[in-house]
Amino acid sequence: MTAWQIVYYGQPAGMPRMRTRRTKFGVLHYVPPKAPGTLFRNAIRLKAIEKEKLVGPVCLRIECLFAMPASWSKAKKAKHFGKPHTQKPDGDNVAKAVMDGLTAAGVWPDDAVVWSLEIRKVWAVQGYCTITAVDSGRMISETNTDEKPGAQMEGERGGVRDVVPIQGSRRKPTDRGPNRDSGNPNPWASDDERAGTEGDEDCEG
């Protein structure tokens, strides 16, 4: 199974904080609709709205490349190219914008299915964001499990089908009499049983 991925070409941004405004109907909490983080979240939603749905648990990796300011000199750009981006926006705010956009697109039922989250911020010439997800639940369902020795395998109706014997294990024979097929005495027989068997053979002769 290939990894789930989308690419956004543009400057990544962090999710803005909620704003509060008093109206005649009461206190209104809202997110600024024209803030860079809101526009970034909406763009992620449009990118992901037609993508394959994720079941979960999901391992999410976000790689953000931030365009260096045009005011920087060539020497400064060459020094910072590919180096860690340690300025605003914060990585957790960028991740919130991405995950809110994926949730709004219906990619997953809730962003709580993300069990592993990694985000990288580096300087680059052009800004863009690569979002990669690995759906562990879908991979497990598509993988055929091998039968293991001694394991009880479930049948199609959910019941226990059989018990796979452990290779190399042998049960001792329960018959302690002579081995009449080969004509040789049973090696598991006791001394008394062997003596009785030899006496029978002499009588038959």
C-alpha atoms as a PDB file:
ATOM      1  CA  MET A   1       0.000   0.000   0.000  1.00  0.00           C
ATOM      2  CA  THR A   2       1.370   3.417  -0.976  1.00  0.00           C
ATOM      3  CA  ALA A   3       1.373   6.258   1.514  1.00  0.00           C
ATOM      4  CA  TRP A   4      -1.432   8.810   1.425  1.00  0.00           C
ATOM      5  CA  GLN A   5      -0.021  12.201   0.393  1.00  0.00           C
ATOM      6  CA  ILE A   6      -1.010  15.707  -0.679  1.00  0.00           C
ATOM      7  CA  VAL A   7       1.172  18.694  -1.565  1.00  0.00           C
ATOM      8  CA  TYR A   8       0.232  22.330  -1.019  1.00  0.00           C
ATOM      9  CA  TYR A   9       2.212  24.931  -2.961  1.00  0.00           C
ATOM     10  CA  GLY A  10       2.359  28.101  -0.946  1.00  0.00           C
ATOM     11  CA  GLN A  11       3.602  29.479   2.345  1.00  0.00           C
ATOM     12  CA  PRO A  12       2.473  27.328   5.301  1.00  0.00           C
ATOM     13  CA  ALA A  13       0.782  29.134   8.153  1.00  0.00           C
ATOM     14  CA  GLY A  14      -0.342  28.401  11.666  1.00  0.00           C
ATOM     15  CA  MET A  15      -3.930  28.252  12.819  1.00  0.00           C
ATOM     16  CA  PRO A  16      -4.949  31.632  14.300  1.00  0.00           C
ATOM     17  CA  ARG A  17      -6.422  31.985  17.744  1.00  0.00           C
ATOM     18  CA  MET A  18     -10.127  32.340  18.343  1.00  0.00           C
ATOM     19  CA  ARG A  19     -11.409  35.895  18.494  1.00  0.00           C
ATOM     20  CA  THR A  20     -14.233  37.181  20.678  1.00  0.00           C
ATOM     21  CA  ARG A  21     -16.754  39.841  19.787  1.00  0.00           C
ATOM     22  CA  ARG A  22     -19.791  41.126  21.625  1.00  0.00           C
ATOM     23  CA  THR A  23     -23.002  41.367  19.687  1.00  0.00           C
ATOM     24  CA  LYS A  24     -26.617  42.083  20.592  1.00  0.00           C
ATOM     25  CA  PHE A  25     -27.148  38.312  20.619  1.00  0.00           C
ATOM     26  CA  GLY A  26     -24.312  37.664  23.053  1.00  0.00           C
ATOM     27  CA  VAL A  27     -20.605  36.840  22.879  1.00  0.00           C
ATOM     28  CA  LEU A  28     -19.450  35.505  19.501  1.00  0.00           C
ATOM     29  CA  HIS A  29     -16.349  33.317  19.177  1.00  0.00           C
ATOM     30  CA  TYR A  30     -14.907  33.060  15.675  1.00  0.00           C
ATOM     31  CA  VAL A  31     -11.754  32.497  13.657  1.00  0.00           C
ATOM     32  CA  PRO A  32     -10.645  35.395  11.425  1.00  0.00           C
ATOM     33  CA  PRO A  33     -11.752  34.262   7.940  1.00  0.00           C
ATOM     34  CA  LYS A  34      -8.974  36.113   6.085  1.00  0.00           C
ATOM     35  CA  ALA A  35      -6.110  35.167   8.369  1.00  0.00           C
ATOM     36  CA  PRO A  36      -3.230  33.299   6.651  1.00  0.00           C
ATOM     37  CA  GLY A  37      -3.784  30.253   8.850  1.00  0.00           C
ATOM     38  CA  THR A  38      -7.490  30.091   7.964  1.00  0.00           C
ATOM     39  CA  LEU A  39      -6.733  30.334   4.248  1.00  0.00           C
ATOM     40  CA  PHE A  40      -4.071  27.634   4.646  1.00  0.00           C
ATOM     41  CA  ARG A  41      -6.532  25.337   6.430  1.00  0.00           C
ATOM     42  CA  ASN A  42      -9.175  25.875   3.729  1.00  0.00           C
ATOM     43  CA  ALA A  43      -6.637  25.106   0.999  1.00  0.00           C
ATOM     44  CA  ILE A  44      -5.695  21.845   2.723  1.00  0.00           C
ATOM     45  CA  ARG A  45      -9.372  20.933   2.943  1.00  0.00           C
ATOM     46  CA  LEU A  46      -9.875  21.488  -0.788  1.00  0.00           C
ATOM     47  CA  LYS A  47      -6.775  19.429  -1.572  1.00  0.00           C
ATOM     48  CA  ALA A  48      -7.894  16.505   0.577  1.00  0.00           C
ATOM     49  CA  ILE A  49     -11.647  16.491  -0.030  1.00  0.00           C
ATOM     50  CA  GLU A  50     -11.397  14.007  -2.939  1.00  0.00           C
ATOM     51  CA  LYS A  51      -8.638  11.864  -1.462  1.00  0.00           C
ATOM     52  CA  GLU A  52      -9.036   8.341  -0.102  1.00  0.00           C
ATOM     53  CA  LYS A  53     -10.493   8.126   3.388  1.00  0.00           C
ATOM     54  CA  LEU A  54      -8.309   7.035   6.283  1.00  0.00           C
ATOM     55  CA  VAL A  55      -9.451   4.512   8.881  1.00  0.00           C
ATOM     56  CA  GLY A  56      -6.809   4.842  11.579  1.00  0.00           C
ATOM     57  CA  PRO A  57      -4.652   4.609  13.512  1.00  0.00           C
ATOM     58  CA  VAL A  58      -2.773   7.129  11.369  1.00  0.00           C
ATOM     59  CA  CYS A  59       0.883   8.130  11.360  1.00  0.00           C
ATOM     60  CA  LEU A  60       1.046  11.735  10.085  1.00  0.00           C
ATOM     61  CA  ARG A  61       4.149  13.521   8.800  1.00  0.00           C
ATOM     62  CA  ILE A  62       4.126  17.213   7.856  1.00  0.00           C
ATOM     63  CA  GLU A  63       7.080  18.788   6.075  1.00  0.00           C
ATOM     64  CA  CYS A  64       6.933  22.569   5.705  1.00  0.00           C
ATOM     65  CA  LEU A  65       9.290  24.575   3.529  1.00  0.00           C
ATOM     66  CA  PHE A  66       9.236  28.313   4.151  1.00  0.00           C
ATOM     67  CA  ALA A  67      10.326  30.745   1.465  1.00  0.00           C
ATOM     68  CA  MET A  68      13.173  32.985   2.539  1.00  0.00           C
ATOM     69  CA  PRO A  69      12.363  36.722   2.553  1.00  0.00           C
ATOM     70  CA  ALA A  70      13.192  38.592  -0.618  1.00  0.00           C
ATOM     71  CA  SER A  71      15.001  41.218   1.449  1.00  0.00           C
ATOM     72  CA  TRP A  72      17.699  38.742   2.441  1.00  0.00           C
ATOM     73  CA  SER A  73      21.029  38.955   0.680  1.00  0.00           C
ATOM     74  CA  LYS A  74      22.302  36.084  -1.480  1.00  0.00           C
ATOM     75  CA  ALA A  75      24.899  35.221   1.132  1.00  0.00           C
ATOM     76  CA  LYS A  76      22.243  35.022   3.871  1.00  0.00           C
ATOM     77  CA  LYS A  77      19.953  32.928   1.700  1.00  0.00           C
ATOM     78  CA  ALA A  78      22.771  30.533   0.893  1.00  0.00           C
ATOM     79  CA  LYS A  79      23.567  30.250   4.603  1.00  0.00           C
ATOM     80  CA  HIS A  80      19.979  29.451   5.646  1.00  0.00           C
ATOM     81  CA  PHE A  81      18.940  27.256   2.723  1.00  0.00           C
ATOM     82  CA  GLY A  82      17.836  23.853   3.982  1.00  0.00           C
ATOM     83  CA  LYS A  83      18.443  24.823   7.615  1.00  0.00           C
ATOM     84  CA  PRO A  84      15.801  24.472  10.374  1.00  0.00           C
ATOM     85  CA  HIS A  85      13.131  27.154  10.429  1.00  0.00           C
ATOM     86  CA  THR A  86      12.986  28.403  14.041  1.00  0.00           C
ATOM     87  CA  GLN A  87      10.650  31.362  13.633  1.00  0.00           C
ATOM     88  CA  LYS A  88       6.880  31.839  13.688  1.00  0.00           C
ATOM     89  CA  PRO A  89       4.592  30.091  12.999  1.00  0.00           C
ATOM     90  CA  ASP A  90       4.969  27.425  15.640  1.00  0.00           C
ATOM     91  CA  GLY A  91       4.991  23.832  14.500  1.00  0.00           C
ATOM     92  CA  ASP A  92       1.990  22.871  16.630  1.00  0.00           C
ATOM     93  CA  ASN A  93      -0.105  25.672  15.123  1.00  0.00           C
ATOM     94  CA  VAL A  94       0.790  24.531  11.603  1.00  0.00           C
ATOM     95  CA  ALA A  95      -0.115  20.963  12.524  1.00  0.00           C
ATOM     96  CA  LYS A  96      -3.462  22.152  13.935  1.00  0.00           C
ATOM     97  CA  ALA A  97      -4.280  23.953  10.680  1.00  0.00           C
ATOM     98  CA  VAL A  98      -3.433  20.844   8.665  1.00  0.00           C
ATOM     99  CA  MET A  99      -5.377  18.460  10.896  1.00  0.00           C
ATOM    100  CA  ASP A 100      -8.400  20.777  11.070  1.00  0.00           C
ATOM    101  CA  GLY A 101      -8.392  20.952   7.277  1.00  0.00           C
ATOM    102  CA  LEU A 102      -8.254  17.164   6.957  1.00  0.00           C
ATOM    103  CA  THR A 103     -11.068  16.787   9.482  1.00  0.00           C
ATOM    104  CA  ALA A 104     -13.211  19.314   7.614  1.00  0.00           C
ATOM    105  CA  ALA A 105     -12.569  17.390   4.380  1.00  0.00           C
ATOM    106  CA  GLY A 106     -13.853  14.180   5.979  1.00  0.00           C
ATOM    107  CA  VAL A 107     -10.565  12.331   5.520  1.00  0.00           C
ATOM    108  CA  TRP A 108     -10.969  10.715   8.932  1.00  0.00           C
ATOM    109  CA  PRO A 109     -13.779  10.612  11.492  1.00  0.00           C
ATOM    110  CA  ASP A 110     -11.743  12.636  13.983  1.00  0.00           C
ATOM    111  CA  ASP A 111      -8.150  13.800  14.292  1.00  0.00           C
ATOM    112  CA  ALA A 112      -7.860  11.670  17.428  1.00  0.00           C
ATOM    113  CA  VAL A 113      -6.980   8.724  15.132  1.00  0.00           C
ATOM    114  CA  VAL A 114      -3.511  10.270  14.699  1.00  0.00           C
ATOM    115  CA  TRP A 115      -1.245   8.340  17.046  1.00  0.00           C
ATOM    116  CA  SER A 116       2.091   9.568  15.666  1.00  0.00           C
ATOM    117  CA  LEU A 117       2.773  13.126  14.501  1.00  0.00           C
ATOM    118  CA  GLU A 118       5.995  14.504  13.031  1.00  0.00           C
ATOM    119  CA  ILE A 119       6.521  18.016  11.685  1.00  0.00           C
ATOM    120  CA  ARG A 120       9.613  19.568  10.096  1.00  0.00           C
ATOM    121  CA  LYS A 121      10.197  23.222   9.239  1.00  0.00           C
ATOM    122  CA  VAL A 122      13.082  24.262   6.992  1.00  0.00           C
ATOM    123  CA  TRP A 123      14.075  27.245   4.900  1.00  0.00           C
ATOM    124  CA  ALA A 124      13.742  26.997   1.122  1.00  0.00           C
ATOM    125  CA  VAL A 125      13.484  29.126  -2.013  1.00  0.00           C
ATOM    126  CA  GLN A 126       9.782  28.400  -2.506  1.00  0.00           C
ATOM    127  CA  GLY A 127       7.243  27.684   0.188  1.00  0.00           C
ATOM    128  CA  TYR A 128       5.182  24.507   0.109  1.00  0.00           C
ATOM    129  CA  CYS A 129       3.896  21.800   2.448  1.00  0.00           C
ATOM    130  CA  THR A 130       3.931  18.021   2.001  1.00  0.00           C
ATOM    131  CA  ILE A 131       1.502  15.992   4.091  1.00  0.00           C
ATOM    132  CA  THR A 132       2.050  12.239   4.264  1.00  0.00           C
ATOM    133  CA  ALA A 133      -0.149   9.784   6.150  1.00  0.00           C
ATOM    134  CA  VAL A 134       0.253   6.065   6.732  1.00  0.00           C
ATOM    135  CA  ASP A 135      -2.988   4.334   7.643  1.00  0.00           C
ATOM    136  CA  SER A 136      -1.965   1.474   9.933  1.00  0.00           C
ATOM    137  CA  GLY A 137      -5.508   0.124  10.190  1.00  0.00           C
ATOM    138  CA  ARG A 138      -5.906  -0.264   6.440  1.00  0.00           C
ATOM    139  CA  MET A 139      -2.455  -1.837   6.102  1.00  0.00           C
ATOM    140  CA  ILE A 140      -3.256  -4.425   8.786  1.00  0.00           C
ATOM    141  CA  SER A 141      -6.550  -5.334   7.109  1.00  0.00           C
ATOM    142  CA  GLU A 142      -4.854  -5.781   3.729  1.00  0.00           C
ATOM    143  CA  THR A 143      -1.998  -7.920   5.075  1.00  0.00           C
ATOM    144  CA  ASN A 144      -2.465 -11.695   5.067  1.00  0.00           C
ATOM    145  CA  THR A 145      -1.347 -13.149   8.382  1.00  0.00           C
ATOM    146  CA  ASP A 146       0.748 -16.317   8.206  1.00  0.00           C
ATOM    147  CA  GLU A 147      -0.384 -19.369  10.130  1.00  0.00           C
ATOM    148  CA  LYS A 148       1.825 -20.112  13.103  1.00  0.00           C
ATOM    149  CA  PRO A 149       2.428 -23.578  14.613  1.00  0.00           C
ATOM    150  CA  GLY A 150       0.215 -24.407  17.548  1.00  0.00           C
ATOM    151  CA  ALA A 151      -2.105 -21.443  16.902  1.00  0.00           C
ATOM    152  CA  GLN A 152      -5.869 -21.760  16.711  1.00  0.00           C
ATOM    153  CA  MET A 153      -7.018 -20.242  13.416  1.00  0.00           C
ATOM    154  CA  GLU A 154     -10.463 -18.689  13.074  1.00  0.00           C
ATOM    155  CA  GLY A 155     -12.730 -19.945  10.305  1.00  0.00           C
ATOM    156  CA  GLU A 156     -14.893 -17.896   7.998  1.00  0.00           C
ATOM    157  CA  ARG A 157     -17.797 -17.994  10.469  1.00  0.00           C
ATOM    158  CA  GLY A 158     -15.711 -16.796  13.371  1.00  0.00           C
ATOM    159  CA  GLY A 159     -15.314 -20.194  15.060  1.00  0.00           C
ATOM    160  CA  VAL A 160     -12.121 -22.063  15.743  1.00  0.00           C
ATOM    161  CA  ARG A 161     -11.299 -24.009  12.609  1.00  0.00           C
ATOM    162  CA  ASP A 162      -8.550 -26.328  13.784  1.00  0.00           C
ATOM    163  CA  VAL A 163      -5.333 -26.471  15.693  1.00  0.00           C
ATOM    164  CA  VAL A 164      -2.169 -26.417  13.619  1.00  0.00           C
ATOM    165  CA  PRO A 165       0.246 -28.955  15.109  1.00  0.00           C
ATOM    166  CA  ILE A 166       3.736 -27.901  16.015  1.00  0.00           C
ATOM    167  CA  GLN A 167       6.202 -29.233  13.511  1.00  0.00           C
ATOM    168  CA  GLY A 168       8.680 -31.764  14.843  1.00  0.00           C
ATOM    169  CA  SER A 169       6.502 -32.946  17.741  1.00  0.00           C
ATOM    170  CA  ARG A 170       5.688 -36.672  17.852  1.00  0.00           C
ATOM    171  CA  ARG A 171       3.362 -38.529  20.157  1.00  0.00           C
ATOM    172  CA  LYS A 172       4.506 -41.775  21.759  1.00  0.00           C
ATOM    173  CA  PRO A 173       2.574 -44.825  20.603  1.00  0.00           C
ATOM    174  CA  THR A 174      -0.142 -45.954  22.991  1.00  0.00           C
ATOM    175  CA  ASP A 175       0.096 -49.633  22.016  1.00  0.00           C
ATOM    176  CA  ARG A 176       2.672 -51.317  24.208  1.00  0.00           C
ATOM    177  CA  GLY A 177       2.307 -54.684  22.510  1.00  0.00           C
ATOM    178  CA  PRO A 178       4.685 -56.085  19.920  1.00  0.00           C
ATOM    179  CA  ASN A 179       5.088 -54.384  16.597  1.00  0.00           C
ATOM    180  CA  ARG A 180       3.390 -57.105  14.537  1.00  0.00           C
ATOM    181  CA  ASP A 181       3.751 -55.226  11.238  1.00  0.00           C
ATOM    182  CA  SER A 182       7.550 -55.322  11.324  1.00  0.00           C
ATOM    183  CA  GLY A 183       8.013 -58.404  13.471  1.00  0.00           C
ATOM    184  CA  ASN A 184      10.185 -56.478  15.920  1.00  0.00           C
ATOM    185  CA  PRO A 185       9.358 -56.027  19.626  1.00  0.00           C
ATOM    186  CA  ASN A 186       7.952 -52.708  20.737  1.00  0.00           C
ATOM    187  CA  PRO A 187      10.824 -50.574  22.064  1.00  0.00           C
ATOM    188  CA  TRP A 188       8.422 -48.874  24.498  1.00  0.00           C
ATOM    189  CA  ALA A 189       7.329 -52.162  26.097  1.00  0.00           C
ATOM    190  CA  SER A 190       8.449 -53.120  29.588  1.00  0.00           C
ATOM    191  CA  ASP A 191      10.747 -56.062  30.354  1.00  0.00           C
ATOM    192  CA  ASP A 192       7.786 -58.237  31.517  1.00  0.00           C
ATOM    193  CA  GLU A 193       5.858 -57.544  28.350  1.00  0.00           C
ATOM    194  CA  ARG A 194       8.870 -58.359  26.210  1.00  0.00           C
ATOM    195  CA  ALA A 195       9.352 -61.678  28.120  1.00  0.00           C
ATOM    196  CA  GLY A 196       5.686 -62.567  27.635  1.00  0.00           C
ATOM    197  CA  THR A 197       5.932 -61.806  23.915  1.00  0.00           C
ATOM    198  CA  GLU A 198       8.996 -64.002  23.459  1.00  0.00           C
ATOM    199  CA  GLY A 199       7.183 -66.858  25.247  1.00  0.00           C
ATOM    200  CA  ASP A 200       4.246 -66.557  22.879  1.00  0.00           C
ATOM    201  CA  GLU A 201       6.544 -66.774  19.871  1.00  0.00           C
ATOM    202  CA  ASP A 202       8.150 -69.968  21.271  1.00  0.00           C
ATOM    203  CA  CYS A 203       4.763 -71.583  21.785  1.00  0.00           C
ATOM    204  CA  GLU A 204       3.714 -70.759  18.264  1.00  0.00           C
ATOM    205  CA  GLY A 205       6.885 -72.363  16.932  1.00  0.00           C
END
